[in-house]
Protein backbone atom coordinates (compact mmCIF):
# COMPACT_ATOMS: atom_id res chain seq x y z
CA MET A 1 5.71 -47.90 -7.86
CA LEU A 2 8.77 -46.44 -9.58
CA VAL A 3 8.46 -43.55 -12.04
CA ALA A 4 11.68 -43.01 -13.98
CA GLY A 5 12.98 -40.91 -16.85
CA PHE A 6 10.69 -37.88 -16.71
CA GLU A 7 11.78 -34.27 -16.48
CA ALA A 8 11.62 -32.81 -12.99
CA SER A 9 8.73 -30.54 -14.00
CA GLU A 10 6.67 -33.59 -14.98
CA ARG A 11 7.39 -35.71 -11.92
CA GLU A 12 5.13 -33.79 -9.55
CA ARG A 13 2.17 -33.92 -11.96
CA ILE A 14 2.58 -37.66 -12.44
CA SER A 15 3.11 -38.25 -8.73
CA SER A 16 -0.08 -36.29 -7.92
CA GLU A 17 -2.09 -38.25 -10.47
CA LEU A 18 -0.87 -41.56 -9.06
CA ARG A 19 -1.59 -40.48 -5.50
CA SER A 20 -5.15 -39.60 -6.52
CA GLU A 21 -5.50 -43.18 -7.75
CA GLY A 22 -4.38 -44.53 -4.38
CA HIS A 23 -0.76 -45.33 -5.29
CA HIS A 24 2.46 -44.30 -3.60
CA ALA A 25 5.04 -43.49 -6.25
CA LEU A 26 8.74 -42.73 -6.15
CA CYS A 27 9.61 -40.33 -9.01
CA VAL A 28 13.32 -40.10 -9.83
CA GLY A 29 15.73 -39.82 -12.74
CA VAL A 30 16.96 -42.90 -14.58
CA ASP A 31 20.42 -43.00 -12.99
CA ILE A 32 18.99 -42.92 -9.47
CA ALA A 33 16.30 -45.45 -10.43
CA VAL A 34 18.92 -47.88 -11.76
CA ALA A 35 21.05 -47.50 -8.64
CA MET A 36 18.19 -48.01 -6.20
CA ALA A 37 15.83 -50.41 -7.98
CA PRO A 38 17.48 -53.74 -7.00
CA GLY A 39 17.15 -53.07 -3.29
CA PHE A 40 13.91 -51.11 -3.54
CA GLY A 41 11.72 -53.70 -5.27
CA PRO A 42 8.95 -51.73 -7.05
CA ASP A 43 5.87 -53.63 -8.22
CA GLU A 44 5.61 -51.56 -11.40
CA VAL A 45 7.71 -49.06 -13.37
CA ILE A 46 6.32 -46.15 -15.40
CA ILE A 47 8.45 -44.52 -18.09
CA PRO A 48 7.87 -41.67 -20.57
CA PRO A 49 6.99 -42.35 -24.21
CA GLY A 50 9.44 -42.05 -27.08
CA SER A 51 13.19 -42.46 -27.19
CA VAL A 52 13.68 -41.23 -23.62
CA GLY A 53 11.34 -43.92 -22.35
CA GLN A 54 13.03 -46.58 -24.44
CA ALA A 55 16.40 -45.62 -23.00
CA ALA A 56 14.93 -45.83 -19.48
CA ARG A 57 13.42 -49.25 -20.27
CA GLU A 58 16.75 -50.59 -21.51
CA ALA A 59 18.66 -49.22 -18.51
CA LEU A 60 16.18 -50.68 -16.02
CA SER A 61 15.81 -54.04 -17.75
CA ASP A 62 19.27 -55.03 -16.53
CA VAL A 63 18.37 -54.54 -12.87
CA LEU A 64 14.63 -55.30 -12.74
CA ASP A 65 13.78 -58.79 -13.90
CA GLY A 66 10.09 -59.55 -14.24
CA VAL A 67 8.80 -56.16 -13.03
CA PRO A 68 6.12 -54.72 -15.37
CA VAL A 69 7.24 -51.60 -17.23
CA ARG A 70 4.46 -49.35 -18.53
CA THR A 71 4.69 -46.29 -20.78
CA ALA A 72 2.84 -43.28 -19.39
CA GLY A 73 -0.63 -43.13 -20.90
CA ALA A 74 -0.75 -46.85 -21.70
CA ALA A 75 -3.36 -49.07 -20.10
CA ARG A 76 -2.27 -51.00 -17.04
CA GLU A 77 -2.08 -54.76 -17.41
CA PRO A 78 -4.77 -56.69 -15.47
CA ALA A 79 -3.55 -57.69 -12.03
CA PRO A 80 -2.77 -61.42 -11.59
CA ALA A 81 -5.27 -63.48 -9.61
CA ASP A 82 -2.92 -63.91 -6.65
CA SER A 83 -2.29 -60.19 -6.22
CA SER A 84 -5.22 -59.66 -3.85
CA SER A 85 -2.79 -59.53 -0.96
CA MET A 86 -1.21 -56.38 -2.38
CA ASP A 87 -3.09 -53.50 -0.82
CA ALA A 88 -3.99 -50.70 -3.23
CA GLY A 89 -2.31 -48.18 -0.96
CA VAL A 90 0.97 -50.11 -0.83
CA ALA A 91 2.95 -49.71 -4.01
CA LEU A 92 6.49 -50.22 -2.72
CA SER A 93 7.87 -53.39 -1.19
CA GLY A 94 9.64 -51.45 1.59
CA GLY A 95 6.47 -51.38 3.69
CA VAL A 96 5.22 -47.94 2.68
CA SER A 97 1.49 -47.49 3.28
CA ALA A 98 -0.77 -44.50 3.81
CA ALA A 99 -4.37 -44.18 4.88
CA ALA A 100 -6.25 -40.89 5.21
CA GLY A 101 -8.38 -40.59 8.32
CA GLU A 102 -11.50 -38.50 8.83
CA THR A 103 -9.40 -35.46 9.71
CA GLY A 104 -7.28 -35.80 6.60
CA ALA A 105 -4.21 -36.78 8.60
CA VAL A 106 -1.98 -39.43 7.08
CA ALA A 107 -0.67 -42.36 9.11
CA PHE A 108 2.28 -44.38 7.85
CA SER A 109 3.65 -47.80 8.69
CA ASP A 110 7.25 -48.07 9.82
CA PRO A 111 9.59 -49.51 7.17
CA SER A 112 11.50 -52.69 7.80
CA GLY A 113 15.25 -52.33 7.71
CA ALA A 114 15.31 -48.71 8.91
CA ASP A 115 18.43 -47.76 10.81
CA GLY A 116 18.67 -45.74 14.01
CA ALA A 117 16.68 -46.11 17.21
CA ALA A 118 13.41 -44.24 17.63
CA THR A 119 13.72 -41.01 19.55
CA PRO A 120 11.19 -40.86 22.40
CA GLY A 121 9.38 -37.75 23.55
CA LEU A 122 8.26 -34.66 21.67
CA ARG A 123 11.48 -32.64 21.68
CA ARG A 124 12.01 -30.74 18.43
CA PRO A 125 15.62 -30.81 17.19
CA THR A 126 17.10 -27.31 17.17
CA SER A 127 18.60 -28.04 13.74
CA LEU A 128 15.13 -27.97 12.13
CA THR A 129 13.54 -24.84 10.73
CA PRO A 130 10.17 -23.74 12.17
CA PRO A 131 7.18 -25.34 10.39
CA ASP A 132 6.39 -23.54 7.13
CA MET A 133 3.80 -25.21 4.93
CA ALA A 134 4.72 -23.45 1.67
CA MET A 135 8.46 -23.97 2.16
CA LYS A 136 8.11 -27.66 3.02
CA LEU A 137 5.75 -28.28 0.09
CA GLY A 138 8.38 -26.82 -2.23
CA GLN A 139 11.04 -29.08 -0.71
CA VAL A 140 8.82 -32.14 -1.11
CA ARG A 141 8.04 -31.35 -4.74
CA PHE A 142 11.42 -30.12 -5.94
CA GLY A 143 14.10 -30.96 -3.36
CA ASP A 144 16.08 -34.12 -2.78
CA TYR A 145 15.53 -36.38 0.22
CA HIS A 146 18.21 -34.66 2.31
CA CYS A 147 16.49 -31.33 1.75
CA ILE A 148 13.10 -32.76 2.77
CA LEU A 149 14.44 -34.18 6.04
CA GLU A 150 16.74 -31.16 6.54
CA VAL A 151 19.91 -33.23 6.93
CA THR A 152 23.24 -33.35 5.14
CA PRO A 153 24.51 -36.43 3.25
CA GLY A 154 26.83 -37.21 6.15
CA ALA A 155 24.13 -37.07 8.85
CA SER A 156 23.97 -39.95 11.32
CA ALA A 157 21.17 -42.53 11.22
CA PHE A 158 20.04 -41.24 14.61
CA LEU A 159 19.70 -37.66 13.32
CA VAL A 160 17.87 -38.80 10.19
CA ARG A 161 15.28 -40.65 12.28
CA GLU A 162 15.03 -37.81 14.80
CA HIS A 163 14.32 -35.29 12.02
CA TYR A 164 11.84 -37.66 10.38
CA GLU A 165 9.85 -38.10 13.59
CA ALA A 166 9.91 -34.39 14.43
CA LEU A 167 8.86 -33.36 10.92
CA SER A 168 6.08 -35.97 10.85
CA ARG A 169 4.69 -34.47 14.05
CA ALA A 170 5.15 -30.88 12.91
CA TYR A 171 3.33 -31.37 9.60
CA ASN A 172 0.51 -33.56 10.91
CA PRO A 173 -2.86 -31.80 10.39
CA ALA A 174 -3.95 -32.85 13.89
CA GLY A 175 -1.22 -30.75 15.45
CA TRP A 176 -1.30 -27.69 13.19
CA PRO A 177 -1.60 -24.45 15.24
CA HIS A 178 -4.64 -23.05 13.38
CA ARG A 179 -7.82 -24.32 11.76
CA LEU A 180 -7.05 -25.81 8.36
CA THR A 181 -8.87 -25.35 5.09
CA PRO A 182 -9.54 -28.48 2.98
CA GLN A 183 -6.75 -27.39 0.63
CA GLU A 184 -4.30 -27.07 3.52
CA VAL A 185 -5.24 -30.54 4.78
CA HIS A 186 -4.45 -31.88 1.29
CA ILE A 187 -1.13 -30.02 1.26
CA LEU A 188 -0.13 -31.43 4.64
CA ALA A 189 -1.06 -34.92 3.48
CA GLU A 190 1.25 -34.46 0.47
CA ILE A 191 4.02 -33.16 2.73
CA GLY A 192 3.54 -36.14 5.02
CA GLU A 193 3.93 -38.53 2.09
CA GLY A 194 7.09 -36.74 1.00
CA ILE A 195 8.61 -36.88 4.48
CA ARG A 196 7.78 -40.56 4.76
CA GLU A 197 9.19 -41.32 1.31
CA ALA A 198 12.44 -39.51 2.14
CA PHE A 199 12.82 -41.54 5.33
CA THR A 200 12.09 -44.79 3.50
CA ILE A 201 15.34 -44.16 1.58
CA LEU A 202 17.54 -42.23 4.01
CA GLY A 203 16.47 -44.38 6.96
CA HIS A 204 17.65 -47.57 5.25
CA LYS A 205 21.41 -48.02 5.15
CA GLU A 206 21.67 -49.78 1.78
CA LEU A 207 19.04 -47.68 -0.02
CA ARG A 208 20.60 -44.51 1.35
CA ALA A 209 24.04 -45.52 0.07
CA ARG A 210 22.63 -46.28 -3.39
CA TYR A 211 20.72 -43.01 -3.47
CA GLU A 212 23.65 -40.87 -2.38
CA ARG A 213 26.01 -42.52 -4.89
CA ALA A 214 23.52 -41.90 -7.69
CA LEU A 215 22.92 -38.33 -6.50
CA ALA A 216 26.65 -37.64 -6.53
CA ARG A 217 26.81 -38.63 -10.20
CA GLN A 218 24.09 -36.17 -11.21
CA PRO A 219 25.28 -33.00 -13.01
CA ARG A 220 25.26 -29.96 -10.78
């Protein structure tokens, strides 16, 4: 699911609401949405009401043919009869899925088209900061994908995957160094989704190029 056109302060609220409904949503600005949408393939787009939403609808209509566009707050159209194969937890065509286990840990499927070979073993890259739940939650909610994976725009595909795998291990509730409260389990699940979402883009050569071009056009 693609959420486009909202202010940054609204994106986290909307993303949290959608996650509570079982969806996985990518919340970005209109320029980035337009640049990435053709290769990303969302099953639905959500836009804000009013003139801002109309502008987002017009911009996206040129690159998304046949994808439902819904204004926030409007009722969702009934799903077509043949949509039973679309799992409720899979909202993006890139193979993103999440399922919470009994411990609250989140397990993700590997995306097709990801670049860079998997890095075996449990070695933690020295370029990563020590695990900090509050810091990483802030990066997931308010940072860009490079910030979340702690890489620069010029980082190699190998480094991107290495950081993704190390961060996924570091912020997995099963491996946290102390007993977690229910709230902390929820926070780590949100962090895990953010890490996975960042890798879905930065771990795919074409989507990463689109994202970085769109990011470069954003006002500083």
